[in-house]
Every structure is written in structure tokens, then in C-alpha cells.
Amino acid sequence: MRSIRLLSTVLIAASIGTGAPVITSIANAAGNIGFNSPIAQGSIFVIKGSGLGPANILIDSSPFQHTTLGGTSIAITVGSTTVNALMYYASDGQVAALLPSNTPLTSGGNFAVTYNGQTSAALGHGLVASNVGVFSVDSSGQGPGIVTYPDYSLV
């Protein structure tokens, strides 16, 4: 009886570890504000959740050049149009990417993350042509801002 209970526990743990990614929030990477703050075309955004990517963070050596990173990709669907985000980094709990400038605008685009062939349920989020976001020192969207020159050196 004890070995059956142990086997059941192992099987349940294995199935949880191989499940589809789960998205809990989407936010502009600069202000890190998800609620009522649509993502702008050409901006960096973050998706938080679980099972989104590898256990250890993987940062693209050529950010925003690839639509897949370490088995993770992000698709944004508006109506019958789907665009793939350009990846920046991927980890189990958070991924970041660039929203392509050709993404259609809407009050509810559907974001889905695929990791190792498993796709999350889609989560809706607004998409706009422009929206202000300021990178802050502590990544909270509050407090001192980070201001750089076009070459990313600090002002």
C-alpha cells in the first residue's frame, strides 16, 4: 500500500512538471504595470507565470532577433492574424520579448506561450500604437528612472 501511494505521488509530481505553461500576468517591461496598461507596438513586455521556459534564465545573446529561445516562443493573435514576439529572455517564471510593430491593435489581443511543444491557455491584453513606460532602478515602475543614450549608456 505504501509503495502504491509513493508511486502515485511521483506520477502526480511528474505530470505537474510536464504540464502546459500557465500565464498569470502580462505587463510593459518598462513600468512593469499589467492592469489597464496596454502593450505598445515595438515595446518590450514581460509575461509572468509558471512553466514558461527553462528552470534557469536564458538570455538571448542577440536579443530581439529570434522568435524562439530555449524552446520558448510567444504568439499574439488578433482575429485571424498571429504574430510571433521577438525573444529577449526566458525562464520558468517569466519571459520577455518585443511586440512586433506589425501587431494589429485591439483592446484584447490573445497572448500564448509555448515551451517545449506545450502551449498555454491564451490570456487577453490590450495592444496600442504607443504607451509610455519608464524603466526604473528597481524594475517596479516607481522611484528613480533609468535614462540612457541611444547606445544604452547611462545619461
N, C-alpha and C. Protein backbone atom coordinates (compact mmCIF):
# COMPACT_ATOMS: atom_id res chain seq x y z
N MET A 1 0.82 -1.19 0.00
CA MET A 1 0.00 0.00 0.00
C MET A 1 0.87 1.26 0.00
N ARG A 2 1.93 1.25 0.80
CA ARG A 2 2.81 2.41 0.89
C ARG A 2 3.51 2.65 -0.45
N SER A 3 3.92 1.58 -1.15
CA SER A 3 4.60 1.76 -2.44
C SER A 3 3.64 2.30 -3.49
N ILE A 4 2.36 1.95 -3.42
CA ILE A 4 1.38 2.49 -4.36
C ILE A 4 1.19 3.98 -4.12
N ARG A 5 1.11 4.39 -2.85
CA ARG A 5 0.95 5.80 -2.52
C ARG A 5 2.17 6.59 -3.00
N LEU A 6 3.38 6.06 -2.81
CA LEU A 6 4.59 6.72 -3.26
C LEU A 6 4.62 6.83 -4.77
N LEU A 7 4.23 5.77 -5.48
CA LEU A 7 4.18 5.79 -6.94
C LEU A 7 3.17 6.83 -7.41
N SER A 8 2.02 6.93 -6.76
CA SER A 8 1.01 7.93 -7.12
C SER A 8 1.56 9.34 -6.96
N THR A 9 2.27 9.57 -5.86
CA THR A 9 2.86 10.89 -5.61
C THR A 9 3.88 11.23 -6.69
N VAL A 10 4.72 10.28 -7.06
CA VAL A 10 5.72 10.50 -8.11
C VAL A 10 5.05 10.79 -9.44
N LEU A 11 4.02 10.06 -9.79
CA LEU A 11 3.32 10.27 -11.06
C LEU A 11 2.63 11.63 -11.09
N ILE A 12 2.01 12.04 -10.00
CA ILE A 12 1.37 13.35 -9.95
C ILE A 12 2.41 14.45 -10.09
N ALA A 13 3.52 14.34 -9.38
CA ALA A 13 4.59 15.33 -9.47
C ALA A 13 5.15 15.40 -10.89
N ALA A 14 5.30 14.26 -11.54
CA ALA A 14 5.82 14.24 -12.91
C ALA A 14 4.85 14.91 -13.86
N SER A 15 3.55 14.68 -13.68
CA SER A 15 2.58 15.29 -14.59
C SER A 15 2.49 16.79 -14.38
N ILE A 16 2.67 17.26 -13.14
CA ILE A 16 2.66 18.70 -12.89
C ILE A 16 3.87 19.34 -13.56
N GLY A 17 5.02 18.71 -13.48
CA GLY A 17 6.24 19.26 -14.05
C GLY A 17 6.24 19.29 -15.56
N THR A 18 5.40 18.51 -16.23
CA THR A 18 5.40 18.48 -17.69
C THR A 18 4.15 19.12 -18.27
N GLY A 19 3.36 19.82 -17.46
CA GLY A 19 2.13 20.45 -17.94
C GLY A 19 2.41 21.66 -18.80
N ALA A 20 1.36 22.16 -19.40
CA ALA A 20 1.46 23.33 -20.25
C ALA A 20 1.82 24.57 -19.43
N PRO A 21 2.46 25.54 -20.05
CA PRO A 21 2.76 26.79 -19.35
C PRO A 21 1.47 27.47 -18.88
N VAL A 22 1.59 28.24 -17.82
CA VAL A 22 0.46 28.99 -17.27
C VAL A 22 0.85 30.47 -17.21
N ILE A 23 0.05 31.32 -17.83
CA ILE A 23 0.28 32.77 -17.81
C ILE A 23 -0.58 33.38 -16.70
N THR A 24 0.06 34.17 -15.82
CA THR A 24 -0.70 34.84 -14.77
C THR A 24 -0.81 36.34 -15.00
N SER A 25 0.18 36.95 -15.71
CA SER A 25 0.09 38.39 -15.99
C SER A 25 0.96 38.77 -17.17
N ILE A 26 0.59 39.90 -17.77
CA ILE A 26 1.33 40.48 -18.89
C ILE A 26 1.52 41.95 -18.57
N ALA A 27 2.74 42.48 -18.75
CA ALA A 27 3.00 43.87 -18.42
C ALA A 27 4.06 44.47 -19.34
N ASN A 28 4.01 45.78 -19.48
CA ASN A 28 5.07 46.52 -20.15
C ASN A 28 6.33 46.34 -19.31
N ALA A 29 7.43 45.99 -19.91
CA ALA A 29 8.66 45.74 -19.16
C ALA A 29 9.19 47.00 -18.50
N ALA A 30 8.93 48.16 -19.08
CA ALA A 30 9.46 49.40 -18.52
C ALA A 30 8.78 49.74 -17.20
N GLY A 31 7.48 49.90 -17.21
CA GLY A 31 6.78 50.28 -15.99
C GLY A 31 6.37 49.10 -15.15
N ASN A 32 6.40 47.90 -15.74
CA ASN A 32 6.02 46.67 -15.05
C ASN A 32 4.60 46.76 -14.51
N ILE A 33 3.74 47.46 -15.25
CA ILE A 33 2.35 47.64 -14.85
C ILE A 33 1.49 46.82 -15.80
N GLY A 34 0.78 45.85 -15.28
CA GLY A 34 -0.04 44.99 -16.12
C GLY A 34 -1.49 45.43 -16.22
N PHE A 35 -2.07 45.83 -15.12
CA PHE A 35 -3.50 46.14 -15.08
C PHE A 35 -3.80 47.42 -15.84
N ASN A 36 -4.72 47.36 -16.80
CA ASN A 36 -5.18 48.52 -17.56
C ASN A 36 -4.06 49.27 -18.27
N SER A 37 -2.97 48.62 -18.59
CA SER A 37 -1.88 49.27 -19.30
C SER A 37 -1.55 48.44 -20.53
N PRO A 38 -2.11 48.84 -21.69
CA PRO A 38 -1.89 48.05 -22.90
C PRO A 38 -0.42 48.06 -23.33
N ILE A 39 -0.05 47.04 -24.10
CA ILE A 39 1.31 46.91 -24.62
C ILE A 39 1.37 47.64 -25.96
N ALA A 40 2.41 48.45 -26.16
CA ALA A 40 2.55 49.22 -27.39
C ALA A 40 3.37 48.44 -28.42
N GLN A 41 3.03 48.65 -29.68
CA GLN A 41 3.82 48.07 -30.77
C GLN A 41 5.27 48.51 -30.60
N GLY A 42 6.21 47.57 -30.77
CA GLY A 42 7.63 47.89 -30.68
C GLY A 42 8.17 48.01 -29.27
N SER A 43 7.37 47.66 -28.26
CA SER A 43 7.85 47.76 -26.88
C SER A 43 8.20 46.39 -26.31
N ILE A 44 8.98 46.40 -25.25
CA ILE A 44 9.36 45.17 -24.56
C ILE A 44 8.28 44.89 -23.52
N PHE A 45 7.86 43.64 -23.43
CA PHE A 45 6.87 43.25 -22.44
C PHE A 45 7.34 42.00 -21.71
N VAL A 46 6.75 41.76 -20.54
CA VAL A 46 7.06 40.56 -19.76
C VAL A 46 5.78 39.79 -19.51
N ILE A 47 5.92 38.49 -19.51
CA ILE A 47 4.82 37.59 -19.15
C ILE A 47 5.30 36.81 -17.94
N LYS A 48 4.47 36.79 -16.90
CA LYS A 48 4.80 36.04 -15.68
C LYS A 48 3.85 34.86 -15.56
N GLY A 49 4.33 33.81 -14.92
CA GLY A 49 3.53 32.61 -14.74
C GLY A 49 4.38 31.46 -14.29
N SER A 50 4.08 30.27 -14.78
CA SER A 50 4.87 29.09 -14.43
C SER A 50 4.99 28.18 -15.65
N GLY A 51 6.10 27.46 -15.70
CA GLY A 51 6.34 26.54 -16.81
C GLY A 51 6.55 27.24 -18.13
N LEU A 52 6.97 28.52 -18.08
CA LEU A 52 7.12 29.33 -19.29
C LEU A 52 8.41 29.05 -20.06
N GLY A 53 9.40 28.49 -19.37
CA GLY A 53 10.69 28.27 -20.01
C GLY A 53 11.58 27.43 -19.12
N PRO A 54 12.89 27.46 -19.40
CA PRO A 54 13.82 26.63 -18.63
C PRO A 54 13.91 27.08 -17.16
N ALA A 55 14.34 26.18 -16.31
CA ALA A 55 14.45 26.47 -14.87
C ALA A 55 15.40 27.64 -14.61
N ASN A 56 16.51 27.70 -15.32
CA ASN A 56 17.46 28.80 -15.18
C ASN A 56 17.26 29.77 -16.33
N ILE A 57 17.35 31.05 -16.02
CA ILE A 57 17.11 32.08 -17.04
C ILE A 57 18.08 31.91 -18.21
N LEU A 58 17.54 32.10 -19.40
CA LEU A 58 18.31 32.03 -20.63
C LEU A 58 18.12 33.36 -21.35
N ILE A 59 19.21 34.12 -21.52
CA ILE A 59 19.15 35.43 -22.16
C ILE A 59 19.71 35.30 -23.56
N ASP A 60 18.96 35.78 -24.55
CA ASP A 60 19.39 35.69 -25.94
C ASP A 60 20.64 36.54 -26.14
N SER A 61 21.68 35.97 -26.74
CA SER A 61 22.91 36.71 -26.99
C SER A 61 22.71 37.77 -28.08
N SER A 62 21.67 37.62 -28.88
CA SER A 62 21.28 38.62 -29.89
C SER A 62 19.80 38.93 -29.67
N PRO A 63 19.49 39.72 -28.64
CA PRO A 63 18.08 39.94 -28.29
C PRO A 63 17.27 40.51 -29.45
N PHE A 64 16.02 40.11 -29.49
CA PHE A 64 15.03 40.62 -30.44
C PHE A 64 15.33 40.25 -31.89
N GLN A 65 16.09 39.17 -32.08
CA GLN A 65 16.40 38.68 -33.43
C GLN A 65 15.73 37.35 -33.72
N HIS A 66 15.23 36.67 -32.68
CA HIS A 66 14.69 35.32 -32.84
C HIS A 66 13.30 35.22 -32.21
N THR A 67 12.47 34.36 -32.76
CA THR A 67 11.13 34.16 -32.21
C THR A 67 11.06 32.96 -31.27
N THR A 68 12.17 32.24 -31.12
CA THR A 68 12.23 31.11 -30.20
C THR A 68 13.53 31.20 -29.40
N LEU A 69 13.45 30.88 -28.11
CA LEU A 69 14.63 30.91 -27.26
C LEU A 69 14.51 29.76 -26.26
N GLY A 70 15.43 28.81 -26.34
CA GLY A 70 15.44 27.70 -25.40
C GLY A 70 14.15 26.90 -25.36
N GLY A 71 13.49 26.80 -26.51
CA GLY A 71 12.23 26.06 -26.57
C GLY A 71 11.01 26.88 -26.23
N THR A 72 11.19 28.19 -25.96
CA THR A 72 10.08 29.08 -25.62
C THR A 72 9.78 30.03 -26.77
N SER A 73 8.50 30.22 -27.04
CA SER A 73 8.06 31.22 -28.02
C SER A 73 6.76 31.84 -27.53
N ILE A 74 6.45 33.03 -28.05
CA ILE A 74 5.25 33.75 -27.67
C ILE A 74 4.50 34.14 -28.94
N ALA A 75 3.23 33.75 -29.02
CA ALA A 75 2.39 34.12 -30.16
C ALA A 75 1.30 35.07 -29.67
N ILE A 76 1.05 36.12 -30.47
CA ILE A 76 -0.01 37.07 -30.17
C ILE A 76 -1.01 36.99 -31.32
N THR A 77 -2.27 36.70 -30.99
CA THR A 77 -3.29 36.55 -32.01
C THR A 77 -4.35 37.63 -31.85
N VAL A 78 -4.64 38.29 -32.98
CA VAL A 78 -5.70 39.28 -33.05
C VAL A 78 -6.56 38.89 -34.24
N GLY A 79 -7.78 38.46 -33.97
CA GLY A 79 -8.64 37.97 -35.04
C GLY A 79 -8.01 36.78 -35.72
N SER A 80 -7.81 36.89 -37.03
CA SER A 80 -7.20 35.78 -37.79
C SER A 80 -5.69 35.98 -38.01
N THR A 81 -5.11 37.03 -37.40
CA THR A 81 -3.69 37.32 -37.56
C THR A 81 -2.91 36.90 -36.32
N THR A 82 -1.83 36.15 -36.52
CA THR A 82 -0.94 35.76 -35.43
C THR A 82 0.46 36.25 -35.76
N VAL A 83 1.08 36.94 -34.80
CA VAL A 83 2.47 37.37 -34.92
C VAL A 83 3.26 36.72 -33.80
N ASN A 84 4.54 36.52 -34.04
CA ASN A 84 5.43 35.92 -33.05
C ASN A 84 6.33 37.00 -32.47
N ALA A 85 6.38 37.07 -31.15
CA ALA A 85 7.20 38.06 -30.47
C ALA A 85 8.68 37.72 -30.65
N LEU A 86 9.52 38.74 -30.58
CA LEU A 86 10.97 38.59 -30.69
C LEU A 86 11.54 38.46 -29.28
N MET A 87 12.12 37.32 -28.99
CA MET A 87 12.52 36.96 -27.63
C MET A 87 13.73 37.74 -27.10
N TYR A 88 13.67 38.01 -25.78
CA TYR A 88 14.77 38.64 -25.05
C TYR A 88 15.34 37.65 -24.03
N TYR A 89 14.48 37.14 -23.14
CA TYR A 89 14.92 36.11 -22.20
C TYR A 89 13.76 35.18 -21.86
N ALA A 90 14.11 34.02 -21.33
CA ALA A 90 13.10 33.04 -20.95
C ALA A 90 13.54 32.34 -19.67
N SER A 91 12.58 32.10 -18.80
CA SER A 91 12.81 31.34 -17.57
C SER A 91 11.49 30.70 -17.19
N ASP A 92 11.52 29.86 -16.18
CA ASP A 92 10.31 29.16 -15.75
C ASP A 92 9.20 30.13 -15.36
N GLY A 93 9.54 31.19 -14.61
CA GLY A 93 8.52 32.08 -14.08
C GLY A 93 8.29 33.36 -14.84
N GLN A 94 9.15 33.68 -15.81
CA GLN A 94 9.00 34.95 -16.53
C GLN A 94 9.71 34.90 -17.87
N VAL A 95 9.09 35.49 -18.87
CA VAL A 95 9.71 35.64 -20.19
C VAL A 95 9.57 37.09 -20.62
N ALA A 96 10.47 37.54 -21.47
CA ALA A 96 10.40 38.90 -22.00
C ALA A 96 10.65 38.87 -23.49
N ALA A 97 9.95 39.76 -24.20
CA ALA A 97 10.07 39.81 -25.66
C ALA A 97 9.65 41.19 -26.15
N LEU A 98 9.84 41.40 -27.44
CA LEU A 98 9.46 42.64 -28.10
C LEU A 98 8.20 42.38 -28.92
N LEU A 99 7.21 43.26 -28.76
CA LEU A 99 5.98 43.16 -29.53
C LEU A 99 6.25 43.72 -30.92
N PRO A 100 6.11 42.91 -31.98
CA PRO A 100 6.39 43.41 -33.33
C PRO A 100 5.53 44.62 -33.70
N SER A 101 6.11 45.51 -34.48
CA SER A 101 5.41 46.73 -34.89
C SER A 101 4.23 46.46 -35.81
N ASN A 102 4.18 45.27 -36.42
CA ASN A 102 3.06 44.94 -37.31
C ASN A 102 1.93 44.21 -36.58
N THR A 103 1.98 44.18 -35.25
CA THR A 103 0.90 43.55 -34.49
C THR A 103 -0.35 44.40 -34.61
N PRO A 104 -1.49 43.81 -34.99
CA PRO A 104 -2.73 44.59 -35.08
C PRO A 104 -3.12 45.16 -33.71
N LEU A 105 -3.74 46.31 -33.72
CA LEU A 105 -4.17 46.97 -32.49
C LEU A 105 -5.56 46.50 -32.10
N THR A 106 -5.77 46.33 -30.80
CA THR A 106 -7.05 45.85 -30.30
C THR A 106 -7.11 46.05 -28.78
N SER A 107 -8.30 45.96 -28.24
CA SER A 107 -8.43 46.03 -26.78
C SER A 107 -8.20 44.67 -26.14
N GLY A 108 -8.06 43.61 -26.96
CA GLY A 108 -7.88 42.28 -26.38
C GLY A 108 -7.16 41.30 -27.28
N GLY A 109 -5.86 41.50 -27.48
CA GLY A 109 -5.07 40.51 -28.21
C GLY A 109 -4.81 39.31 -27.31
N ASN A 110 -4.71 38.14 -27.89
CA ASN A 110 -4.50 36.92 -27.10
C ASN A 110 -3.04 36.48 -27.14
N PHE A 111 -2.41 36.44 -25.97
CA PHE A 111 -1.02 36.03 -25.81
C PHE A 111 -0.99 34.57 -25.39
N ALA A 112 -0.13 33.77 -26.02
CA ALA A 112 0.06 32.38 -25.63
C ALA A 112 1.56 32.06 -25.65
N VAL A 113 2.01 31.34 -24.65
CA VAL A 113 3.41 30.93 -24.55
C VAL A 113 3.50 29.44 -24.84
N THR A 114 4.46 29.08 -25.69
CA THR A 114 4.73 27.66 -25.94
C THR A 114 6.12 27.35 -25.42
N TYR A 115 6.22 26.28 -24.62
CA TYR A 115 7.51 25.83 -24.13
C TYR A 115 7.61 24.33 -24.35
N ASN A 116 8.64 23.93 -25.08
CA ASN A 116 8.88 22.52 -25.41
C ASN A 116 7.63 21.83 -25.95
N GLY A 117 6.93 22.50 -26.85
CA GLY A 117 5.78 21.89 -27.52
C GLY A 117 4.47 21.98 -26.77
N GLN A 118 4.49 22.50 -25.53
CA GLN A 118 3.27 22.66 -24.73
C GLN A 118 2.85 24.14 -24.78
N THR A 119 1.59 24.40 -25.09
CA THR A 119 1.11 25.78 -25.22
C THR A 119 0.15 26.13 -24.11
N SER A 120 0.33 27.33 -23.57
CA SER A 120 -0.54 27.83 -22.50
C SER A 120 -1.92 28.18 -23.04
N ALA A 121 -2.86 28.34 -22.13
CA ALA A 121 -4.13 28.96 -22.49
C ALA A 121 -3.82 30.41 -22.81
N ALA A 122 -4.55 30.99 -23.74
CA ALA A 122 -4.32 32.39 -24.13
C ALA A 122 -4.83 33.33 -23.04
N LEU A 123 -4.14 34.45 -22.89
CA LEU A 123 -4.57 35.50 -21.98
C LEU A 123 -4.68 36.78 -22.78
N GLY A 124 -5.81 37.45 -22.68
CA GLY A 124 -6.04 38.69 -23.42
C GLY A 124 -5.37 39.88 -22.78
N HIS A 125 -4.91 40.80 -23.64
CA HIS A 125 -4.29 42.03 -23.16
C HIS A 125 -4.39 43.07 -24.28
N GLY A 126 -4.59 44.32 -23.92
CA GLY A 126 -4.72 45.39 -24.89
C GLY A 126 -3.44 45.67 -25.66
N LEU A 127 -3.60 46.09 -26.92
CA LEU A 127 -2.48 46.42 -27.80
C LEU A 127 -2.73 47.78 -28.42
N VAL A 128 -1.75 48.68 -28.31
CA VAL A 128 -1.91 50.05 -28.80
C VAL A 128 -0.69 50.46 -29.62
N ALA A 129 -0.81 51.60 -30.32
CA ALA A 129 0.30 52.10 -31.13
C ALA A 129 1.41 52.69 -30.26
N SER A 130 1.05 53.32 -29.14
CA SER A 130 2.08 53.88 -28.25
C SER A 130 1.55 53.93 -26.82
N ASN A 131 2.48 53.83 -25.89
CA ASN A 131 2.15 53.89 -24.47
C ASN A 131 3.45 54.15 -23.72
N VAL A 132 3.43 55.10 -22.82
CA VAL A 132 4.64 55.48 -22.10
C VAL A 132 4.98 54.45 -21.03
N GLY A 133 6.25 54.15 -20.92
CA GLY A 133 6.77 53.31 -19.85
C GLY A 133 8.18 53.76 -19.54
N VAL A 134 8.50 53.89 -18.26
CA VAL A 134 9.83 54.33 -17.86
C VAL A 134 10.48 53.21 -17.05
N PHE A 135 11.67 52.78 -17.50
CA PHE A 135 12.41 51.79 -16.74
C PHE A 135 12.88 52.43 -15.44
N SER A 136 12.69 51.73 -14.33
CA SER A 136 13.11 52.24 -13.04
C SER A 136 14.23 51.38 -12.48
N VAL A 137 14.97 51.94 -11.54
CA VAL A 137 16.14 51.27 -10.97
C VAL A 137 15.76 49.91 -10.38
N ASP A 138 14.61 49.84 -9.69
CA ASP A 138 14.23 48.57 -9.04
C ASP A 138 13.22 47.75 -9.86
N SER A 139 12.98 48.13 -11.11
CA SER A 139 12.07 47.43 -12.03
C SER A 139 10.62 47.39 -11.55
N SER A 140 10.24 48.30 -10.65
CA SER A 140 8.87 48.33 -10.16
C SER A 140 8.00 49.32 -10.93
N GLY A 141 8.64 50.18 -11.74
CA GLY A 141 7.90 51.24 -12.42
C GLY A 141 7.73 52.46 -11.55
N GLN A 142 8.34 52.45 -10.36
CA GLN A 142 8.27 53.58 -9.44
C GLN A 142 9.67 53.94 -9.00
N GLY A 143 9.83 55.15 -8.46
CA GLY A 143 11.14 55.58 -7.95
C GLY A 143 12.02 56.11 -9.06
N PRO A 144 13.34 56.16 -8.83
CA PRO A 144 14.27 56.72 -9.81
C PRO A 144 14.22 55.98 -11.14
N GLY A 145 14.19 56.75 -12.23
CA GLY A 145 14.14 56.17 -13.56
C GLY A 145 15.53 55.90 -14.11
N ILE A 146 15.58 55.07 -15.12
CA ILE A 146 16.83 54.80 -15.82
C ILE A 146 16.73 55.50 -17.17
N VAL A 147 17.65 56.40 -17.42
CA VAL A 147 17.66 57.16 -18.67
C VAL A 147 18.98 56.85 -19.38
N THR A 148 18.89 56.49 -20.67
CA THR A 148 20.08 56.14 -21.43
C THR A 148 20.13 56.90 -22.75
N TYR A 149 21.32 56.94 -23.30
CA TYR A 149 21.52 57.43 -24.65
C TYR A 149 21.12 56.30 -25.61
N PRO A 150 21.02 56.57 -26.92
CA PRO A 150 20.64 55.52 -27.87
C PRO A 150 21.55 54.29 -27.84
N ASP A 151 22.80 54.43 -27.39
CA ASP A 151 23.71 53.29 -27.31
C ASP A 151 23.59 52.54 -25.98
N TYR A 152 22.57 52.88 -25.18
CA TYR A 152 22.26 52.28 -23.88
C TYR A 152 23.22 52.67 -22.76
N SER A 153 24.15 53.60 -23.00
CA SER A 153 24.98 54.09 -21.91
C SER A 153 24.14 55.05 -21.07
N LEU A 154 24.39 55.05 -19.77
CA LEU A 154 23.59 55.87 -18.86
C LEU A 154 23.83 57.35 -19.07
N VAL A 155 22.75 58.14 -18.93
CA VAL A 155 22.85 59.60 -19.02
C VAL A 155 23.39 60.13 -17.72
